[in-house]
């Protein structure tokens, strides 16, 4: 599964990138956090961590269902929001 991900502080885009989730656990680095991910049988395990001091977040743990998004989806986290778009790869 490929995921486009964007982190916002209010209306300000902090970072945006794409990563591919597979069966093996992998670690990718975005400018504002580290992301660890692995594809399970029904959900993708995703952990965002190591945010810089100016970002008031510690660790975000997601159990993302394996699916194809029809549009951007988002998770509200107070002043921050995490937007994502999932695509299933053939």
C-alpha atoms as a PDB file:
ATOM      1  CA  UNK A   1       0.000   0.000   0.000  1.00  0.00           C
ATOM      2  CA  UNK A   2       1.311   3.460  -0.880  1.00  0.00           C
ATOM      3  CA  UNK A   3       0.441   6.364   1.422  1.00  0.00           C
ATOM      4  CA  UNK A   4       0.697  10.096   0.704  1.00  0.00           C
ATOM      5  CA  UNK A   5       0.961  11.845   4.054  1.00  0.00           C
ATOM      6  CA  UNK A   6       0.857  15.503   5.104  1.00  0.00           C
ATOM      7  CA  UNK A   7       1.170  17.015   8.588  1.00  0.00           C
ATOM      8  CA  UNK A   8      -0.356  20.443   9.245  1.00  0.00           C
ATOM      9  CA  UNK A   9      -0.074  22.886  12.141  1.00  0.00           C
ATOM     10  CA  UNK A  10      -3.371  24.712  11.643  1.00  0.00           C
ATOM     11  CA  UNK A  11      -3.232  25.785   7.981  1.00  0.00           C
ATOM     12  CA  UNK A  12       0.574  25.570   7.767  1.00  0.00           C
ATOM     13  CA  UNK A  13       1.992  22.523   5.992  1.00  0.00           C
ATOM     14  CA  UNK A  14       4.857  21.141   8.107  1.00  0.00           C
ATOM     15  CA  UNK A  15       5.784  18.240   5.838  1.00  0.00           C
ATOM     16  CA  UNK A  16       4.444  16.085   3.041  1.00  0.00           C
ATOM     17  CA  UNK A  17       5.743  12.864   1.548  1.00  0.00           C
ATOM     18  CA  UNK A  18       4.976   9.405   0.236  1.00  0.00           C
ATOM     19  CA  UNK A  19       5.962   5.999   1.552  1.00  0.00           C
ATOM     20  CA  UNK A  20       5.218   2.410   0.568  1.00  0.00           C
ATOM     21  CA  UNK A  21       4.146  -0.089   3.239  1.00  0.00           C
ATOM     22  CA  UNK A  22       5.118  -3.739   2.833  1.00  0.00           C
ATOM     23  CA  UNK A  23       5.286  -6.888   4.952  1.00  0.00           C
ATOM     24  CA  UNK A  24       8.753  -6.051   6.305  1.00  0.00           C
ATOM     25  CA  UNK A  25       9.053  -3.319   8.931  1.00  0.00           C
ATOM     26  CA  UNK A  26      10.800  -0.269   7.492  1.00  0.00           C
ATOM     27  CA  UNK A  27      11.824   3.130   8.817  1.00  0.00           C
ATOM     28  CA  UNK A  28      11.650   6.288   6.692  1.00  0.00           C
ATOM     29  CA  UNK A  29      12.601   9.836   7.613  1.00  0.00           C
ATOM     30  CA  UNK A  30      10.476  12.864   6.855  1.00  0.00           C
ATOM     31  CA  UNK A  31      11.761  16.396   7.583  1.00  0.00           C
ATOM     32  CA  UNK A  32       9.634  16.635  10.763  1.00  0.00           C
ATOM     33  CA  UNK A  33       9.471  13.034  12.047  1.00  0.00           C
ATOM     34  CA  UNK A  34      10.616   9.452  11.676  1.00  0.00           C
ATOM     35  CA  UNK A  35       8.016   6.939  10.431  1.00  0.00           C
ATOM     36  CA  UNK A  36       8.118   3.194  11.161  1.00  0.00           C
ATOM     37  CA  UNK A  37       5.663   1.039   9.224  1.00  0.00           C
ATOM     38  CA  UNK A  38       4.683  -2.556   8.491  1.00  0.00           C
ATOM     39  CA  UNK A  39       1.771  -4.148   6.660  1.00  0.00           C
ATOM     40  CA  UNK A  40      -0.216  -6.659   8.710  1.00  0.00           C
ATOM     41  CA  UNK A  41      -2.986  -9.001   7.535  1.00  0.00           C
ATOM     42  CA  UNK A  42      -5.772  -6.422   7.971  1.00  0.00           C
ATOM     43  CA  UNK A  43      -4.129  -3.142   8.992  1.00  0.00           C
ATOM     44  CA  UNK A  44      -0.927  -1.222   8.467  1.00  0.00           C
ATOM     45  CA  UNK A  45       0.960  -0.448  11.682  1.00  0.00           C
ATOM     46  CA  UNK A  46       2.342   3.084  11.425  1.00  0.00           C
ATOM     47  CA  UNK A  47       4.291   4.989  14.096  1.00  0.00           C
ATOM     48  CA  UNK A  48       5.370   8.620  13.721  1.00  0.00           C
ATOM     49  CA  UNK A  49       8.048   9.643  16.239  1.00  0.00           C
ATOM     50  CA  UNK A  50      11.085  11.829  16.909  1.00  0.00           C
ATOM     51  CA  UNK A  51       9.358  15.150  16.277  1.00  0.00           C
ATOM     52  CA  UNK A  52      11.519  18.285  16.746  1.00  0.00           C
ATOM     53  CA  UNK A  53      11.010  20.414  19.849  1.00  0.00           C
ATOM     54  CA  UNK A  54       8.970  23.070  18.015  1.00  0.00           C
ATOM     55  CA  UNK A  55       6.330  20.434  17.142  1.00  0.00           C
ATOM     56  CA  UNK A  56       4.260  19.654  20.238  1.00  0.00           C
ATOM     57  CA  UNK A  57       3.778  15.950  19.414  1.00  0.00           C
ATOM     58  CA  UNK A  58       5.476  12.913  20.963  1.00  0.00           C
ATOM     59  CA  UNK A  59       4.477   9.682  19.213  1.00  0.00           C
ATOM     60  CA  UNK A  60       1.529   8.937  16.930  1.00  0.00           C
ATOM     61  CA  UNK A  61       0.503   5.292  16.566  1.00  0.00           C
ATOM     62  CA  UNK A  62      -1.928   4.361  13.793  1.00  0.00           C
ATOM     63  CA  UNK A  63      -3.669   1.095  12.908  1.00  0.00           C
ATOM     64  CA  UNK A  64      -4.621   2.057   9.350  1.00  0.00           C
ATOM     65  CA  UNK A  65      -7.026  -0.289   7.553  1.00  0.00           C
ATOM     66  CA  UNK A  66      -5.719  -1.547   4.230  1.00  0.00           C
ATOM     67  CA  UNK A  67      -7.840   0.358   1.728  1.00  0.00           C
ATOM     68  CA  UNK A  68      -7.944   2.604  -1.322  1.00  0.00           C
ATOM     69  CA  UNK A  69      -8.884   6.202  -0.494  1.00  0.00           C
ATOM     70  CA  UNK A  70     -11.328   8.021  -2.741  1.00  0.00           C
ATOM     71  CA  UNK A  71     -10.091  11.412  -1.478  1.00  0.00           C
ATOM     72  CA  UNK A  72      -7.816  12.862   1.204  1.00  0.00           C
ATOM     73  CA  UNK A  73      -8.663  11.605   4.693  1.00  0.00           C
ATOM     74  CA  UNK A  74      -7.585  13.352   7.885  1.00  0.00           C
ATOM     75  CA  UNK A  75      -7.148  12.876  11.605  1.00  0.00           C
ATOM     76  CA  UNK A  76      -7.593  15.898  13.879  1.00  0.00           C
ATOM     77  CA  UNK A  77      -5.049  16.104  16.719  1.00  0.00           C
ATOM     78  CA  UNK A  78      -5.854  19.422  18.366  1.00  0.00           C
ATOM     79  CA  UNK A  79      -3.897  22.139  16.595  1.00  0.00           C
ATOM     80  CA  UNK A  80      -2.324  19.539  14.279  1.00  0.00           C
ATOM     81  CA  UNK A  81      -3.935  17.434  11.575  1.00  0.00           C
ATOM     82  CA  UNK A  82      -2.611  14.453   9.673  1.00  0.00           C
ATOM     83  CA  UNK A  83      -3.918  14.082   6.120  1.00  0.00           C
ATOM     84  CA  UNK A  84      -3.392  10.923   4.088  1.00  0.00           C
ATOM     85  CA  UNK A  85      -4.359   9.238   0.814  1.00  0.00           C
ATOM     86  CA  UNK A  86      -3.970   5.449   0.504  1.00  0.00           C
ATOM     87  CA  UNK A  87      -3.482   3.587  -2.764  1.00  0.00           C
ATOM     88  CA  UNK A  88      -3.378  -0.170  -3.206  1.00  0.00           C
ATOM     89  CA  UNK A  89      -0.521  -1.334  -5.390  1.00  0.00           C
ATOM     90  CA  UNK A  90      -0.917  -4.225  -7.815  1.00  0.00           C
END
